Amino acid sequence: MVLSDLKAGAVIETKKPHACGGVRWKILRDGADRTVKCLTCGRIVVLLPDELLKRTRRTVEAEA
C-alpha cells in the first residue's frame, strides 16, 4: 500500500479494531493530515498520513 491510495472518499480497513469494534473507516479529508470517520460508531479522528498508512491493512473501496 502506498500513500497515494489513501485519498478522500476511500474506505479502508485497519489492522486493529476501534474501541467500538469497527475496523472500517472512510477518509473524509486528505492533505497535511487525514480526517477519517469510523463507519461503525461515527467517531471522527485526525491522523498524520504516515500514521494512517501504518495502521491500514487494505483499501476496501476506492473513490470512483
N, C-alpha and C. Protein backbone atom coordinates (compact mmCIF):
# COMPACT_ATOMS: atom_id res chain seq x y z
N MET A 1 0.85 -1.17 0.00
CA MET A 1 0.00 0.00 0.00
C MET A 1 0.89 1.24 0.00
N VAL A 2 0.49 2.22 -0.79
CA VAL A 2 1.24 3.48 -0.85
C VAL A 2 0.32 4.62 -0.41
N LEU A 3 0.94 5.72 -0.06
CA LEU A 3 0.20 6.87 0.47
C LEU A 3 -0.78 7.44 -0.54
N SER A 4 -0.51 7.32 -1.83
CA SER A 4 -1.40 7.86 -2.85
C SER A 4 -2.72 7.09 -2.93
N ASP A 5 -2.79 5.87 -2.36
CA ASP A 5 -4.03 5.10 -2.33
C ASP A 5 -5.02 5.66 -1.31
N LEU A 6 -4.52 6.44 -0.36
CA LEU A 6 -5.35 6.95 0.73
C LEU A 6 -5.88 8.34 0.41
N LYS A 7 -6.79 8.42 -0.53
CA LYS A 7 -7.41 9.67 -0.95
C LYS A 7 -8.77 9.83 -0.29
N ALA A 8 -9.30 11.05 -0.29
CA ALA A 8 -10.62 11.33 0.28
C ALA A 8 -11.68 10.49 -0.45
N GLY A 9 -12.57 9.91 0.30
CA GLY A 9 -13.63 9.08 -0.26
C GLY A 9 -13.34 7.60 -0.20
N ALA A 10 -12.09 7.22 0.04
CA ALA A 10 -11.74 5.80 0.11
C ALA A 10 -12.17 5.21 1.45
N VAL A 11 -12.53 3.94 1.44
CA VAL A 11 -12.86 3.21 2.67
C VAL A 11 -11.72 2.24 2.92
N ILE A 12 -11.16 2.29 4.14
CA ILE A 12 -10.01 1.44 4.48
C ILE A 12 -10.37 0.52 5.63
N GLU A 13 -9.56 -0.51 5.79
CA GLU A 13 -9.69 -1.44 6.90
C GLU A 13 -8.41 -1.34 7.72
N THR A 14 -8.54 -1.17 9.03
CA THR A 14 -7.37 -1.03 9.90
C THR A 14 -6.92 -2.38 10.45
N LYS A 15 -5.69 -2.44 10.92
CA LYS A 15 -5.14 -3.67 11.47
C LYS A 15 -5.77 -4.00 12.82
N LYS A 16 -5.98 -2.97 13.65
CA LYS A 16 -6.58 -3.18 14.97
C LYS A 16 -7.97 -2.55 14.98
N PRO A 17 -8.91 -3.14 15.70
CA PRO A 17 -10.25 -2.56 15.77
C PRO A 17 -10.30 -1.31 16.64
N HIS A 18 -11.23 -0.44 16.35
CA HIS A 18 -11.53 0.74 17.17
C HIS A 18 -12.17 0.23 18.46
N ALA A 19 -12.31 1.09 19.46
CA ALA A 19 -12.91 0.71 20.73
C ALA A 19 -14.34 0.18 20.57
N CYS A 20 -15.05 0.64 19.53
CA CYS A 20 -16.42 0.18 19.27
C CYS A 20 -16.44 -1.18 18.57
N GLY A 21 -15.29 -1.65 18.11
CA GLY A 21 -15.21 -2.94 17.42
C GLY A 21 -15.12 -2.83 15.92
N GLY A 22 -15.28 -1.63 15.36
CA GLY A 22 -15.25 -1.44 13.92
C GLY A 22 -13.82 -1.36 13.38
N VAL A 23 -13.64 -1.87 12.17
CA VAL A 23 -12.33 -1.80 11.52
C VAL A 23 -12.39 -1.04 10.20
N ARG A 24 -13.58 -0.60 9.79
CA ARG A 24 -13.71 0.14 8.53
C ARG A 24 -13.84 1.63 8.79
N TRP A 25 -13.06 2.41 8.04
CA TRP A 25 -13.02 3.86 8.17
C TRP A 25 -13.13 4.49 6.79
N LYS A 26 -13.78 5.64 6.72
CA LYS A 26 -13.87 6.39 5.47
C LYS A 26 -12.99 7.64 5.61
N ILE A 27 -12.16 7.89 4.60
CA ILE A 27 -11.31 9.07 4.60
C ILE A 27 -12.14 10.26 4.14
N LEU A 28 -12.31 11.24 5.01
CA LEU A 28 -13.12 12.41 4.69
C LEU A 28 -12.31 13.52 4.05
N ARG A 29 -11.05 13.70 4.51
CA ARG A 29 -10.23 14.80 4.01
C ARG A 29 -8.77 14.35 3.98
N ASP A 30 -8.06 14.76 2.94
CA ASP A 30 -6.63 14.47 2.90
C ASP A 30 -5.86 15.77 2.70
N GLY A 31 -4.60 15.72 3.00
CA GLY A 31 -3.75 16.90 2.93
C GLY A 31 -2.58 16.69 3.88
N ALA A 32 -2.26 17.73 4.67
CA ALA A 32 -1.17 17.63 5.64
C ALA A 32 -1.53 16.61 6.73
N ASP A 33 -2.81 16.45 6.99
CA ASP A 33 -3.28 15.40 7.88
C ASP A 33 -4.54 14.79 7.28
N ARG A 34 -4.91 13.60 7.72
CA ARG A 34 -6.05 12.89 7.15
C ARG A 34 -7.16 12.81 8.21
N THR A 35 -8.36 13.16 7.82
CA THR A 35 -9.52 13.04 8.69
C THR A 35 -10.28 11.79 8.28
N VAL A 36 -10.47 10.88 9.23
CA VAL A 36 -11.14 9.62 8.96
C VAL A 36 -12.33 9.46 9.90
N LYS A 37 -13.36 8.74 9.42
CA LYS A 37 -14.58 8.53 10.20
C LYS A 37 -14.83 7.04 10.33
N CYS A 38 -15.05 6.57 11.56
CA CYS A 38 -15.38 5.17 11.81
C CYS A 38 -16.77 4.91 11.25
N LEU A 39 -16.91 3.88 10.44
CA LEU A 39 -18.19 3.56 9.83
C LEU A 39 -19.11 2.79 10.77
N THR A 40 -18.62 2.39 11.94
CA THR A 40 -19.45 1.69 12.91
C THR A 40 -20.10 2.66 13.89
N CYS A 41 -19.29 3.56 14.49
CA CYS A 41 -19.83 4.45 15.52
C CYS A 41 -19.89 5.91 15.10
N GLY A 42 -19.22 6.29 14.01
CA GLY A 42 -19.27 7.66 13.54
C GLY A 42 -18.21 8.57 14.12
N ARG A 43 -17.30 8.06 14.91
CA ARG A 43 -16.24 8.86 15.53
C ARG A 43 -15.31 9.40 14.44
N ILE A 44 -14.91 10.67 14.57
CA ILE A 44 -14.00 11.30 13.61
C ILE A 44 -12.65 11.49 14.27
N VAL A 45 -11.58 11.09 13.57
CA VAL A 45 -10.22 11.14 14.08
C VAL A 45 -9.33 11.79 13.03
N VAL A 46 -8.36 12.60 13.48
CA VAL A 46 -7.39 13.23 12.58
C VAL A 46 -6.03 12.56 12.81
N LEU A 47 -5.44 12.05 11.73
CA LEU A 47 -4.15 11.35 11.80
C LEU A 47 -3.18 11.93 10.77
N LEU A 48 -1.90 11.82 11.07
CA LEU A 48 -0.88 12.17 10.08
C LEU A 48 -0.87 11.09 9.00
N PRO A 49 -0.51 11.44 7.78
CA PRO A 49 -0.54 10.44 6.69
C PRO A 49 0.31 9.19 6.97
N ASP A 50 1.49 9.36 7.55
CA ASP A 50 2.35 8.21 7.84
C ASP A 50 1.73 7.29 8.89
N GLU A 51 1.07 7.90 9.88
CA GLU A 51 0.43 7.10 10.93
C GLU A 51 -0.76 6.32 10.36
N LEU A 52 -1.53 6.95 9.50
CA LEU A 52 -2.67 6.28 8.87
C LEU A 52 -2.18 5.13 7.98
N LEU A 53 -1.11 5.35 7.25
CA LEU A 53 -0.55 4.31 6.39
C LEU A 53 -0.09 3.11 7.22
N LYS A 54 0.50 3.38 8.37
CA LYS A 54 0.98 2.31 9.26
C LYS A 54 -0.18 1.50 9.83
N ARG A 55 -1.32 2.14 10.10
CA ARG A 55 -2.47 1.47 10.70
C ARG A 55 -3.37 0.76 9.69
N THR A 56 -3.18 1.02 8.40
CA THR A 56 -4.07 0.49 7.37
C THR A 56 -3.67 -0.91 6.93
N ARG A 57 -4.64 -1.81 6.91
CA ARG A 57 -4.41 -3.18 6.40
C ARG A 57 -4.61 -3.21 4.89
N ARG A 58 -5.76 -2.67 4.43
CA ARG A 58 -6.05 -2.68 2.99
C ARG A 58 -7.12 -1.63 2.67
N THR A 59 -7.24 -1.32 1.39
CA THR A 59 -8.29 -0.43 0.92
C THR A 59 -9.48 -1.29 0.51
N VAL A 60 -10.65 -1.02 1.10
CA VAL A 60 -11.85 -1.80 0.80
C VAL A 60 -12.53 -1.26 -0.45
N GLU A 61 -12.72 0.07 -0.50
CA GLU A 61 -13.33 0.73 -1.65
C GLU A 61 -12.53 1.98 -1.97
N ALA A 62 -12.31 2.22 -3.23
CA ALA A 62 -11.66 3.46 -3.65
C ALA A 62 -12.70 4.35 -4.30
N GLU A 63 -12.51 5.66 -4.19
CA GLU A 63 -13.46 6.59 -4.81
C GLU A 63 -13.38 6.45 -6.31
N ALA A 64 -14.50 6.38 -6.96
CA ALA A 64 -14.53 6.20 -8.42
C ALA A 64 -14.33 7.49 -9.15
